């Protein structure tokens, strides 16, 4: 299996390319210029991995949580490549990737994953690390504050705060997750990779709080 993965959930874009035995991972500072440089950074990663675009069997896209613009651009780009090339597409969310990373690091028991939104709230996900990763289905809640939970260990996805340890989902775990995913090959299946986990914007938050 040969794959190309893009996670554009933040201002930096994580790209990984590999096959069943090896992979290459790099983060690019794309900021607000993702759409203009997406093809060039993919070409660069494929070149480093010694792969050609037509050799890719599986396109994998990060489904968030994160920026709507980044997630939408990356998803549209990879979905188009998969559809036009009659290749497979899989989605990898940061919650599952983080849980798998914690398990690989030897963490056990119940944990809480936290990732901040753009203002003062956060997504919160509880996970039981004693269960197989295939049994984990993210059920994120939008909570009113980012305070640590006293009942269980707290991990922030690429983020930390008092009582919340920073967790960086690892390329090694991503490599294994992509190999485990059930690929989508029909366009109707590719559409079901959604919903993306979107961080609410300031404008959306203000609209919600506006009295009717």
N, C-alpha and C. Protein backbone atom coordinates (compact mmCIF):
# COMPACT_ATOMS: atom_id res chain seq x y z
N UNK A 1 0.83 -1.20 0.00
CA UNK A 1 0.00 0.00 0.00
C UNK A 1 0.87 1.25 0.00
N UNK A 2 0.57 2.19 -0.88
CA UNK A 2 1.28 3.46 -0.92
C UNK A 2 0.26 4.57 -0.66
N UNK A 3 0.60 5.52 0.20
CA UNK A 3 -0.39 6.51 0.60
C UNK A 3 0.19 7.92 0.66
N UNK A 4 -0.73 8.90 0.63
CA UNK A 4 -0.41 10.30 0.83
C UNK A 4 -1.42 10.86 1.80
N UNK A 5 -0.94 11.50 2.87
CA UNK A 5 -1.81 12.04 3.93
C UNK A 5 -1.59 13.53 4.08
N UNK A 6 -2.68 14.28 4.30
CA UNK A 6 -2.60 15.71 4.57
C UNK A 6 -3.48 16.06 5.76
N UNK A 7 -2.89 16.74 6.74
CA UNK A 7 -3.64 17.29 7.87
C UNK A 7 -3.48 18.80 7.83
N UNK A 8 -4.54 19.50 7.42
CA UNK A 8 -4.51 20.96 7.30
C UNK A 8 -5.41 21.61 8.34
N UNK A 9 -5.45 21.03 9.53
CA UNK A 9 -6.35 21.54 10.57
C UNK A 9 -5.82 22.80 11.25
N UNK A 10 -4.53 23.12 11.06
CA UNK A 10 -3.94 24.29 11.70
C UNK A 10 -3.28 25.18 10.65
N UNK A 11 -2.60 26.25 11.10
CA UNK A 11 -1.92 27.14 10.17
C UNK A 11 -0.71 26.46 9.53
N UNK A 12 -0.20 25.42 10.17
CA UNK A 12 0.82 24.59 9.56
C UNK A 12 0.15 23.33 9.02
N UNK A 13 0.70 22.77 7.96
CA UNK A 13 0.11 21.59 7.32
C UNK A 13 1.04 20.40 7.45
N UNK A 14 0.52 19.31 8.01
CA UNK A 14 1.29 18.08 8.17
C UNK A 14 1.04 17.18 6.96
N UNK A 15 2.11 16.78 6.30
CA UNK A 15 2.01 15.90 5.13
C UNK A 15 2.85 14.65 5.37
N UNK A 16 2.30 13.50 5.05
CA UNK A 16 3.03 12.24 5.22
C UNK A 16 2.80 11.36 4.00
N UNK A 17 3.87 10.76 3.53
CA UNK A 17 3.78 9.84 2.39
C UNK A 17 4.58 8.59 2.72
N UNK A 18 4.08 7.44 2.29
CA UNK A 18 4.80 6.21 2.59
C UNK A 18 4.17 5.00 1.94
N UNK A 19 4.75 3.85 2.27
CA UNK A 19 4.19 2.58 1.83
C UNK A 19 4.05 1.69 3.06
N UNK A 20 3.86 0.41 2.87
CA UNK A 20 3.60 -0.48 4.00
C UNK A 20 4.76 -0.56 4.99
N UNK A 21 5.98 -0.29 4.55
CA UNK A 21 7.14 -0.49 5.41
C UNK A 21 7.82 0.79 5.87
N UNK A 22 7.60 1.92 5.19
CA UNK A 22 8.31 3.16 5.57
C UNK A 22 7.44 4.37 5.25
N UNK A 23 7.83 5.52 5.84
CA UNK A 23 7.08 6.75 5.59
C UNK A 23 8.01 7.95 5.76
N UNK A 24 7.57 9.08 5.23
CA UNK A 24 8.26 10.35 5.38
C UNK A 24 7.24 11.39 5.82
N UNK A 25 7.58 12.17 6.84
CA UNK A 25 6.64 13.13 7.42
C UNK A 25 7.30 14.50 7.49
N UNK A 26 6.53 15.55 7.15
CA UNK A 26 7.06 16.91 7.24
C UNK A 26 5.91 17.88 7.49
N UNK A 27 6.22 18.94 8.24
CA UNK A 27 5.25 19.99 8.50
C UNK A 27 5.65 21.25 7.74
N UNK A 28 4.68 21.84 7.04
CA UNK A 28 4.92 23.02 6.22
C UNK A 28 4.17 24.22 6.79
N UNK A 29 4.81 25.37 6.80
CA UNK A 29 4.18 26.59 7.29
C UNK A 29 3.37 27.22 6.16
N UNK A 30 2.14 26.73 5.96
CA UNK A 30 1.31 27.18 4.85
C UNK A 30 0.46 28.39 5.21
N UNK A 31 0.21 28.60 6.51
CA UNK A 31 -0.57 29.73 7.00
C UNK A 31 -1.86 29.87 6.19
N UNK A 32 -2.11 31.05 5.60
CA UNK A 32 -3.35 31.27 4.83
C UNK A 32 -3.14 31.02 3.34
N UNK A 33 -2.06 30.34 2.99
CA UNK A 33 -1.71 30.17 1.58
C UNK A 33 -1.79 28.71 1.16
N UNK A 34 -2.57 27.92 1.87
CA UNK A 34 -2.60 26.47 1.64
C UNK A 34 -2.99 26.12 0.20
N UNK A 35 -4.08 26.71 -0.29
CA UNK A 35 -4.58 26.34 -1.62
C UNK A 35 -3.54 26.57 -2.70
N UNK A 36 -2.74 27.63 -2.55
CA UNK A 36 -1.75 27.98 -3.58
C UNK A 36 -0.55 27.05 -3.59
N UNK A 37 -0.22 26.46 -2.43
CA UNK A 37 1.01 25.67 -2.36
C UNK A 37 0.76 24.18 -2.11
N UNK A 38 -0.49 23.75 -2.09
CA UNK A 38 -0.80 22.36 -1.76
C UNK A 38 -0.18 21.38 -2.74
N UNK A 39 -0.27 21.65 -4.01
CA UNK A 39 0.29 20.72 -4.99
C UNK A 39 1.81 20.64 -4.88
N UNK A 40 2.46 21.76 -4.61
CA UNK A 40 3.92 21.75 -4.54
C UNK A 40 4.43 21.00 -3.32
N UNK A 41 3.74 21.15 -2.17
CA UNK A 41 4.22 20.43 -0.98
C UNK A 41 3.95 18.93 -1.11
N UNK A 42 2.87 18.57 -1.80
CA UNK A 42 2.62 17.15 -2.03
C UNK A 42 3.67 16.57 -2.97
N UNK A 43 4.02 17.32 -4.00
CA UNK A 43 5.08 16.88 -4.92
C UNK A 43 6.39 16.69 -4.17
N UNK A 44 6.69 17.60 -3.26
CA UNK A 44 7.92 17.52 -2.48
C UNK A 44 7.94 16.26 -1.61
N UNK A 45 6.81 15.97 -0.96
CA UNK A 45 6.76 14.79 -0.09
C UNK A 45 6.83 13.49 -0.88
N UNK A 46 6.15 13.45 -2.01
CA UNK A 46 6.20 12.25 -2.85
C UNK A 46 7.61 12.01 -3.36
N UNK A 47 8.31 13.09 -3.70
CA UNK A 47 9.69 12.97 -4.16
C UNK A 47 10.58 12.42 -3.06
N UNK A 48 10.38 12.90 -1.82
CA UNK A 48 11.19 12.41 -0.69
C UNK A 48 10.91 10.93 -0.42
N UNK A 49 9.67 10.53 -0.63
CA UNK A 49 9.30 9.13 -0.38
C UNK A 49 9.62 8.24 -1.57
N UNK A 50 10.10 8.82 -2.67
CA UNK A 50 10.42 8.04 -3.85
C UNK A 50 9.18 7.50 -4.54
N UNK A 51 8.08 8.26 -4.46
CA UNK A 51 6.82 7.81 -5.03
C UNK A 51 6.35 8.78 -6.10
N UNK A 52 5.49 8.27 -6.99
CA UNK A 52 4.82 9.11 -7.97
C UNK A 52 3.34 9.14 -7.65
N UNK A 53 2.69 10.21 -8.03
CA UNK A 53 1.28 10.38 -7.71
C UNK A 53 0.44 9.20 -8.21
N UNK A 54 0.74 8.73 -9.41
CA UNK A 54 -0.06 7.64 -9.98
C UNK A 54 0.15 6.31 -9.23
N UNK A 55 1.19 6.22 -8.41
CA UNK A 55 1.45 5.01 -7.64
C UNK A 55 0.66 4.96 -6.33
N UNK A 56 0.10 6.10 -5.91
CA UNK A 56 -0.61 6.16 -4.64
C UNK A 56 -1.88 5.31 -4.70
N UNK A 57 -2.04 4.44 -3.71
CA UNK A 57 -3.23 3.59 -3.61
C UNK A 57 -4.30 4.23 -2.74
N UNK A 58 -3.85 4.94 -1.69
CA UNK A 58 -4.77 5.50 -0.70
C UNK A 58 -4.42 6.95 -0.42
N UNK A 59 -5.42 7.82 -0.52
CA UNK A 59 -5.28 9.21 -0.09
C UNK A 59 -5.95 9.31 1.27
N UNK A 60 -5.25 9.90 2.24
CA UNK A 60 -5.76 10.02 3.60
C UNK A 60 -5.81 11.49 4.00
N UNK A 61 -6.93 11.89 4.58
CA UNK A 61 -7.11 13.30 4.92
C UNK A 61 -7.46 13.44 6.40
N UNK A 62 -6.85 14.45 7.05
CA UNK A 62 -7.20 14.76 8.43
C UNK A 62 -8.56 15.44 8.48
N UNK A 63 -9.42 14.99 9.39
CA UNK A 63 -10.79 15.52 9.46
C UNK A 63 -11.01 16.42 10.66
N UNK A 64 -9.93 16.85 11.31
CA UNK A 64 -10.06 17.81 12.40
C UNK A 64 -10.08 17.16 13.77
N UNK A 65 -10.31 18.00 14.79
CA UNK A 65 -10.83 19.36 14.74
C UNK A 65 -9.81 20.38 14.25
N UNK A 66 -10.34 21.46 13.66
CA UNK A 66 -9.45 22.50 13.19
C UNK A 66 -10.15 23.51 12.30
N UNK A 67 -9.36 24.23 11.56
CA UNK A 67 -9.83 25.32 10.71
C UNK A 67 -10.72 24.81 9.58
N UNK A 68 -11.88 25.45 9.41
CA UNK A 68 -12.79 25.07 8.34
C UNK A 68 -12.12 25.20 6.98
N UNK A 69 -11.42 26.30 6.76
CA UNK A 69 -10.81 26.53 5.45
C UNK A 69 -9.77 25.47 5.13
N UNK A 70 -8.86 25.20 6.07
CA UNK A 70 -7.82 24.20 5.83
C UNK A 70 -8.39 22.82 5.61
N UNK A 71 -9.33 22.42 6.45
CA UNK A 71 -9.93 21.09 6.33
C UNK A 71 -10.68 20.95 5.00
N UNK A 72 -11.39 21.99 4.63
CA UNK A 72 -12.18 21.96 3.39
C UNK A 72 -11.27 21.88 2.16
N UNK A 73 -10.20 22.67 2.15
CA UNK A 73 -9.29 22.67 1.00
C UNK A 73 -8.62 21.31 0.84
N UNK A 74 -8.07 20.78 1.93
CA UNK A 74 -7.37 19.49 1.87
C UNK A 74 -8.32 18.37 1.49
N UNK A 75 -9.53 18.39 2.07
CA UNK A 75 -10.49 17.33 1.77
C UNK A 75 -10.92 17.36 0.31
N UNK A 76 -11.20 18.54 -0.20
CA UNK A 76 -11.62 18.67 -1.59
C UNK A 76 -10.51 18.23 -2.54
N UNK A 77 -9.28 18.61 -2.22
CA UNK A 77 -8.13 18.28 -3.05
C UNK A 77 -7.93 16.76 -3.12
N UNK A 78 -7.90 16.10 -1.97
CA UNK A 78 -7.63 14.66 -1.95
C UNK A 78 -8.82 13.86 -2.46
N UNK A 79 -10.03 14.33 -2.17
CA UNK A 79 -11.21 13.62 -2.67
C UNK A 79 -11.24 13.66 -4.20
N UNK A 80 -10.85 14.79 -4.77
CA UNK A 80 -10.80 14.90 -6.23
C UNK A 80 -9.76 13.96 -6.82
N UNK A 81 -8.57 13.92 -6.19
CA UNK A 81 -7.51 13.02 -6.67
C UNK A 81 -7.96 11.57 -6.59
N UNK A 82 -8.62 11.21 -5.49
CA UNK A 82 -9.08 9.83 -5.32
C UNK A 82 -10.14 9.48 -6.36
N UNK A 83 -11.08 10.39 -6.56
CA UNK A 83 -12.17 10.12 -7.50
C UNK A 83 -11.66 10.05 -8.93
N UNK A 84 -10.83 11.00 -9.33
CA UNK A 84 -10.33 11.04 -10.70
C UNK A 84 -9.40 9.86 -11.00
N UNK A 85 -8.62 9.45 -10.00
CA UNK A 85 -7.68 8.36 -10.21
C UNK A 85 -8.23 7.00 -9.85
N UNK A 86 -9.52 6.96 -9.42
CA UNK A 86 -10.16 5.71 -8.99
C UNK A 86 -9.35 5.03 -7.89
N UNK A 87 -8.94 5.85 -6.92
CA UNK A 87 -8.17 5.38 -5.78
C UNK A 87 -9.03 5.46 -4.51
N UNK A 88 -8.51 4.95 -3.40
CA UNK A 88 -9.24 4.94 -2.14
C UNK A 88 -8.98 6.22 -1.35
N UNK A 89 -9.94 6.57 -0.50
CA UNK A 89 -9.83 7.73 0.39
C UNK A 89 -10.20 7.31 1.80
N UNK A 90 -9.42 7.74 2.79
CA UNK A 90 -9.75 7.47 4.19
C UNK A 90 -9.64 8.78 4.98
N UNK A 91 -10.38 8.87 6.08
CA UNK A 91 -10.33 10.03 6.96
C UNK A 91 -9.71 9.65 8.30
N UNK A 92 -8.86 10.53 8.82
CA UNK A 92 -8.22 10.33 10.13
C UNK A 92 -8.51 11.55 11.00
N UNK A 93 -9.26 11.38 12.09
CA UNK A 93 -9.53 12.52 12.97
C UNK A 93 -8.47 12.58 14.07
N UNK A 94 -8.25 13.77 14.60
CA UNK A 94 -7.20 13.98 15.61
C UNK A 94 -7.50 13.28 16.92
N UNK A 95 -8.79 13.07 17.23
CA UNK A 95 -9.13 12.38 18.47
C UNK A 95 -8.64 10.93 18.43
N UNK A 96 -8.98 10.23 17.35
CA UNK A 96 -8.56 8.84 17.21
C UNK A 96 -7.05 8.73 17.12
N UNK A 97 -6.43 9.61 16.36
CA UNK A 97 -4.97 9.62 16.23
C UNK A 97 -4.31 9.84 17.60
N UNK A 98 -4.89 10.72 18.41
CA UNK A 98 -4.34 11.01 19.74
C UNK A 98 -4.52 9.84 20.69
N UNK A 99 -5.71 9.21 20.65
CA UNK A 99 -5.95 8.04 21.50
C UNK A 99 -4.98 6.91 21.15
N UNK A 100 -4.78 6.68 19.86
CA UNK A 100 -3.85 5.64 19.43
C UNK A 100 -2.42 5.97 19.86
N UNK A 101 -2.06 7.25 19.85
CA UNK A 101 -0.73 7.66 20.29
C UNK A 101 -0.55 7.40 21.78
N UNK A 102 -1.56 7.72 22.58
CA UNK A 102 -1.48 7.47 24.03
C UNK A 102 -1.34 5.97 24.30
N UNK A 103 -2.10 5.15 23.59
CA UNK A 103 -1.99 3.71 23.77
C UNK A 103 -0.60 3.23 23.41
N UNK A 104 -0.04 3.74 22.33
CA UNK A 104 1.30 3.34 21.90
C UNK A 104 2.37 3.76 22.91
N UNK A 105 2.09 4.84 23.64
CA UNK A 105 3.04 5.32 24.66
C UNK A 105 2.89 4.62 26.00
N UNK A 106 1.93 3.70 26.09
CA UNK A 106 1.76 2.91 27.30
C UNK A 106 0.78 3.48 28.30
N UNK A 107 0.09 4.55 27.94
CA UNK A 107 -0.92 5.13 28.83
C UNK A 107 -2.11 4.18 28.91
N UNK A 108 -2.72 4.07 30.09
CA UNK A 108 -3.84 3.16 30.28
C UNK A 108 -4.98 3.88 31.00
N UNK A 109 -6.13 3.20 31.03
CA UNK A 109 -7.27 3.72 31.79
C UNK A 109 -8.04 4.81 31.06
N UNK A 110 -8.85 5.54 31.84
CA UNK A 110 -9.67 6.60 31.31
C UNK A 110 -8.87 7.89 31.20
N UNK A 111 -9.03 8.60 30.08
CA UNK A 111 -8.34 9.88 29.89
C UNK A 111 -9.32 10.88 29.28
N UNK A 112 -8.94 12.13 29.36
CA UNK A 112 -9.72 13.20 28.74
C UNK A 112 -8.84 13.92 27.74
N UNK A 113 -9.33 14.05 26.49
CA UNK A 113 -8.63 14.82 25.45
C UNK A 113 -9.29 16.18 25.32
N UNK A 114 -8.47 17.22 25.20
CA UNK A 114 -8.99 18.58 25.11
C UNK A 114 -8.29 19.30 23.98
N UNK A 115 -9.05 20.04 23.19
CA UNK A 115 -8.45 20.92 22.18
C UNK A 115 -9.24 22.21 22.15
N UNK A 116 -8.57 23.37 22.23
CA UNK A 116 -9.28 24.64 22.36
C UNK A 116 -9.94 25.09 21.07
N UNK A 117 -11.00 25.86 21.20
CA UNK A 117 -11.60 26.54 20.06
C UNK A 117 -10.93 27.90 19.94
N UNK A 118 -11.42 28.73 19.05
CA UNK A 118 -10.76 30.00 18.79
C UNK A 118 -10.99 31.05 19.87
N UNK A 119 -11.96 30.83 20.76
CA UNK A 119 -12.21 31.85 21.78
C UNK A 119 -11.93 31.27 23.16
N UNK A 120 -12.95 30.85 23.89
CA UNK A 120 -12.72 30.42 25.26
C UNK A 120 -13.21 29.01 25.55
N UNK A 121 -13.81 28.38 24.58
CA UNK A 121 -14.35 27.04 24.80
C UNK A 121 -13.36 25.98 24.32
N UNK A 122 -13.77 24.72 24.43
CA UNK A 122 -12.88 23.63 24.01
C UNK A 122 -13.71 22.41 23.64
N UNK A 123 -13.16 21.59 22.77
CA UNK A 123 -13.70 20.26 22.52
C UNK A 123 -13.15 19.33 23.59
N UNK A 124 -14.01 18.50 24.16
CA UNK A 124 -13.61 17.53 25.17
C UNK A 124 -14.09 16.15 24.76
N UNK A 125 -13.17 15.18 24.85
CA UNK A 125 -13.50 13.80 24.50
C UNK A 125 -12.95 12.88 25.59
N UNK A 126 -13.80 12.02 26.12
CA UNK A 126 -13.37 11.01 27.09
C UNK A 126 -13.10 9.70 26.36
N UNK A 127 -12.01 9.03 26.75
CA UNK A 127 -11.63 7.79 26.08
C UNK A 127 -11.16 6.76 27.10
N UNK A 128 -11.51 5.52 26.85
CA UNK A 128 -11.07 4.39 27.67
C UNK A 128 -9.96 3.68 26.90
N UNK A 129 -8.73 3.84 27.36
CA UNK A 129 -7.59 3.29 26.63
C UNK A 129 -7.46 1.78 26.76
N UNK A 130 -8.29 1.17 27.60
CA UNK A 130 -8.25 -0.29 27.71
C UNK A 130 -8.96 -0.95 26.53
N UNK A 131 -9.72 -0.18 25.77
CA UNK A 131 -10.46 -0.73 24.64
C UNK A 131 -9.61 -0.66 23.38
N UNK A 132 -9.92 -1.54 22.44
CA UNK A 132 -9.21 -1.56 21.16
C UNK A 132 -9.50 -0.27 20.41
N UNK A 133 -8.52 0.22 19.66
CA UNK A 133 -8.69 1.48 18.94
C UNK A 133 -9.82 1.38 17.92
N UNK A 134 -10.09 0.20 17.42
CA UNK A 134 -11.19 0.01 16.47
C UNK A 134 -12.55 0.21 17.10
N UNK A 135 -12.62 0.18 18.43
CA UNK A 135 -13.88 0.37 19.14
C UNK A 135 -14.08 1.82 19.56
N UNK A 136 -13.10 2.67 19.30
CA UNK A 136 -13.21 4.07 19.71
C UNK A 136 -13.92 4.88 18.65
N UNK A 137 -14.99 5.56 19.05
CA UNK A 137 -15.71 6.48 18.17
C UNK A 137 -15.77 7.83 18.86
N UNK A 138 -15.16 8.85 18.29
CA UNK A 138 -15.15 10.17 18.95
C UNK A 138 -16.55 10.73 19.15
N UNK A 139 -16.78 11.27 20.34
CA UNK A 139 -18.05 11.93 20.64
C UNK A 139 -17.72 13.25 21.33
N UNK A 140 -17.16 14.22 20.58
CA UNK A 140 -16.69 15.46 21.21
C UNK A 140 -17.82 16.33 21.73
N UNK A 141 -17.57 16.94 22.89
CA UNK A 141 -18.50 17.90 23.48
C UNK A 141 -17.84 19.27 23.49
N UNK A 142 -18.61 20.30 23.18
CA UNK A 142 -18.11 21.67 23.24
C UNK A 142 -18.37 22.17 24.65
N UNK A 143 -17.31 22.30 25.46
CA UNK A 143 -17.46 22.67 26.87
C UNK A 143 -17.16 24.15 27.06
N UNK A 144 -17.67 24.70 28.18
CA UNK A 144 -17.60 26.14 28.41
C UNK A 144 -16.25 26.64 28.88
N UNK A 145 -15.38 25.75 29.32
CA UNK A 145 -14.07 26.21 29.75
C UNK A 145 -13.03 25.15 29.45
N UNK A 146 -11.78 25.53 29.64
CA UNK A 146 -10.68 24.62 29.31
C UNK A 146 -10.00 24.07 30.55
N UNK A 147 -10.71 24.09 31.66
CA UNK A 147 -10.12 23.62 32.92
C UNK A 147 -9.92 22.11 32.88
N UNK A 148 -8.87 21.64 33.56
CA UNK A 148 -8.58 20.21 33.61
C UNK A 148 -9.63 19.48 34.44
N UNK A 149 -9.92 18.26 34.05
CA UNK A 149 -10.83 17.42 34.82
C UNK A 149 -10.06 16.76 35.95
N UNK A 150 -10.57 16.81 37.20
CA UNK A 150 -9.85 16.19 38.32
C UNK A 150 -10.00 14.68 38.38
N UNK A 151 -10.93 14.13 37.60
CA UNK A 151 -11.22 12.69 37.71
C UNK A 151 -10.27 11.81 36.91
N UNK A 152 -9.59 12.37 35.91
CA UNK A 152 -8.79 11.53 35.02
C UNK A 152 -7.65 12.35 34.43
N UNK A 153 -6.60 11.70 33.91
CA UNK A 153 -5.52 12.44 33.25
C UNK A 153 -6.04 13.24 32.06
N UNK A 154 -5.51 14.44 31.88
CA UNK A 154 -5.93 15.34 30.82
C UNK A 154 -4.80 15.55 29.82
N UNK A 155 -5.15 15.47 28.52
CA UNK A 155 -4.15 15.67 27.47
C UNK A 155 -4.71 16.67 26.46
N UNK A 156 -3.90 17.67 26.13
CA UNK A 156 -4.27 18.64 25.12
C UNK A 156 -3.68 18.24 23.78
N UNK A 157 -4.48 18.22 22.74
CA UNK A 157 -3.99 17.85 21.42
C UNK A 157 -3.21 19.02 20.83
N UNK A 158 -1.88 18.87 20.78
CA UNK A 158 -0.98 19.93 20.29
C UNK A 158 -1.14 21.22 21.08
N UNK A 159 -1.45 21.10 22.36
CA UNK A 159 -1.75 22.27 23.20
C UNK A 159 -1.63 21.86 24.66
N UNK A 160 -1.27 22.79 25.52
CA UNK A 160 -1.16 22.48 26.94
C UNK A 160 -1.63 23.65 27.79
N UNK A 161 -1.99 23.34 29.02
CA UNK A 161 -2.41 24.35 29.99
C UNK A 161 -2.21 23.75 31.37
N UNK A 162 -2.52 24.48 32.41
CA UNK A 162 -2.35 23.97 33.77
C UNK A 162 -3.18 22.71 33.97
N UNK A 163 -2.52 21.63 34.34
CA UNK A 163 -3.19 20.36 34.55
C UNK A 163 -3.48 19.59 33.28
N UNK A 164 -3.07 20.12 32.12
CA UNK A 164 -3.33 19.47 30.83
C UNK A 164 -2.00 19.29 30.11
N UNK A 165 -1.58 18.04 29.96
CA UNK A 165 -0.29 17.74 29.32
C UNK A 165 -0.42 17.81 27.81
N UNK A 166 0.58 18.35 27.15
CA UNK A 166 0.56 18.45 25.69
C UNK A 166 0.79 17.08 25.07
N UNK A 167 -0.02 16.75 24.06
CA UNK A 167 0.12 15.50 23.33
C UNK A 167 0.30 15.79 21.85
N UNK A 168 1.38 15.30 21.28
CA UNK A 168 1.63 15.42 19.85
C UNK A 168 1.35 14.07 19.20
N UNK A 169 0.28 13.96 18.42
CA UNK A 169 0.03 12.70 17.70
C UNK A 169 1.23 12.37 16.81
N UNK A 170 1.70 11.13 16.86
CA UNK A 170 2.98 10.80 16.23
C UNK A 170 2.82 10.24 14.81
N UNK A 171 3.83 10.49 13.97
CA UNK A 171 3.81 9.93 12.61
C UNK A 171 3.78 8.41 12.59
N UNK A 172 4.47 7.79 13.57
CA UNK A 172 4.51 6.33 13.61
C UNK A 172 3.11 5.74 13.78
N UNK A 173 2.34 6.35 14.68
CA UNK A 173 0.97 5.88 14.92
C UNK A 173 0.08 6.17 13.73
N UNK A 174 0.25 7.34 13.12
CA UNK A 174 -0.51 7.67 11.92
C UNK A 174 -0.28 6.63 10.83
N UNK A 175 0.96 6.23 10.65
CA UNK A 175 1.32 5.23 9.64
C UNK A 175 0.53 3.94 9.85
N UNK A 176 0.44 3.50 11.10
CA UNK A 176 -0.30 2.27 11.40
C UNK A 176 -1.80 2.47 11.26
N UNK A 177 -2.31 3.65 11.65
CA UNK A 177 -3.74 3.92 11.55
C UNK A 177 -4.21 3.89 10.10
N UNK A 178 -3.42 4.49 9.23
CA UNK A 178 -3.80 4.53 7.81
C UNK A 178 -3.90 3.11 7.25
N UNK A 179 -2.98 2.26 7.67
CA UNK A 179 -3.01 0.88 7.18
C UNK A 179 -4.22 0.11 7.70
N UNK A 180 -4.76 0.53 8.86
CA UNK A 180 -5.89 -0.17 9.47
C UNK A 180 -7.25 0.28 8.94
N UNK A 181 -7.29 1.47 8.32
CA UNK A 181 -8.58 2.04 7.91
C UNK A 181 -9.23 1.26 6.78
N UNK A 182 -10.55 1.22 6.84
CA UNK A 182 -11.32 0.63 5.74
C UNK A 182 -11.46 1.69 4.66
N UNK A 183 -10.84 1.51 3.49
CA UNK A 183 -10.84 2.58 2.49
C UNK A 183 -12.18 2.73 1.79
N UNK A 184 -12.50 3.99 1.41
CA UNK A 184 -13.69 4.29 0.63
C UNK A 184 -13.29 4.39 -0.84
N UNK A 185 -14.01 3.70 -1.69
CA UNK A 185 -13.67 3.71 -3.11
C UNK A 185 -14.78 4.31 -3.99
N UNK A 186 -16.01 4.25 -3.53
CA UNK A 186 -17.11 4.86 -4.26
C UNK A 186 -17.28 6.31 -3.80
N UNK A 187 -17.69 7.18 -4.74
CA UNK A 187 -17.81 8.60 -4.40
C UNK A 187 -18.80 8.82 -3.26
N UNK A 188 -19.89 8.07 -3.26
CA UNK A 188 -20.87 8.21 -2.18
C UNK A 188 -20.27 7.86 -0.83
N UNK A 189 -19.35 6.89 -0.81
CA UNK A 189 -18.67 6.54 0.43
C UNK A 189 -17.70 7.64 0.85
N UNK A 190 -17.02 8.24 -0.13
CA UNK A 190 -16.08 9.33 0.18
C UNK A 190 -16.79 10.49 0.86
N UNK A 191 -18.01 10.77 0.44
CA UNK A 191 -18.77 11.86 1.05
C UNK A 191 -19.10 11.56 2.50
N UNK A 192 -19.19 10.29 2.87
CA UNK A 192 -19.55 9.90 4.22
C UNK A 192 -18.38 10.01 5.19
N UNK A 193 -17.18 10.33 4.69
CA UNK A 193 -16.06 10.59 5.59
C UNK A 193 -16.37 11.79 6.47
N UNK A 194 -17.15 12.72 5.94
CA UNK A 194 -17.63 13.84 6.73
C UNK A 194 -18.60 13.30 7.79
N UNK A 195 -18.88 14.06 8.88
CA UNK A 195 -18.55 15.47 9.04
C UNK A 195 -17.11 15.69 9.50
N UNK A 196 -16.59 16.83 9.13
CA UNK A 196 -15.33 17.29 9.67
C UNK A 196 -15.59 17.87 11.06
N UNK A 197 -14.57 17.83 11.91
CA UNK A 197 -14.68 18.43 13.23
C UNK A 197 -14.17 19.86 13.14
N UNK A 198 -15.09 20.82 13.10
CA UNK A 198 -14.75 22.20 12.85
C UNK A 198 -14.71 22.98 14.16
N UNK A 199 -13.68 23.79 14.33
CA UNK A 199 -13.62 24.70 15.48
C UNK A 199 -14.48 25.91 15.17
N UNK A 200 -15.47 26.23 16.00
CA UNK A 200 -16.34 27.38 15.71
C UNK A 200 -15.55 28.68 15.61
N UNK A 201 -15.91 29.47 14.63
CA UNK A 201 -15.22 30.76 14.46
C UNK A 201 -15.83 31.80 15.38
N UNK A 202 -15.15 32.93 15.50
CA UNK A 202 -15.66 34.02 16.33
C UNK A 202 -17.00 34.51 15.80
N UNK A 203 -17.13 34.60 14.48
CA UNK A 203 -18.38 35.07 13.90
C UNK A 203 -19.54 34.12 14.22
N UNK A 204 -19.26 32.80 14.14
CA UNK A 204 -20.30 31.81 14.46
C UNK A 204 -20.70 31.89 15.92
N UNK A 205 -19.72 32.08 16.81
CA UNK A 205 -20.02 32.19 18.23
C UNK A 205 -20.89 33.40 18.52
N UNK A 206 -20.58 34.55 17.92
CA UNK A 206 -21.34 35.77 18.15
C UNK A 206 -22.76 35.62 17.61
N UNK A 207 -22.92 34.92 16.48
CA UNK A 207 -24.24 34.70 15.92
C UNK A 207 -25.08 33.84 16.86
N UNK A 208 -24.47 32.83 17.47
CA UNK A 208 -25.18 31.96 18.40
C UNK A 208 -25.67 32.75 19.62
N UNK A 209 -24.84 33.68 20.08
CA UNK A 209 -25.16 34.42 21.31
C UNK A 209 -26.12 35.57 21.06
N UNK A 210 -26.37 35.91 19.80
CA UNK A 210 -27.24 37.04 19.48
C UNK A 210 -28.69 36.66 19.77
N UNK A 211 -29.42 37.46 20.56
CA UNK A 211 -30.82 37.11 20.88
C UNK A 211 -31.69 37.17 19.64
N UNK A 212 -32.68 36.29 19.59
CA UNK A 212 -33.59 36.23 18.44
C UNK A 212 -34.65 37.34 18.56
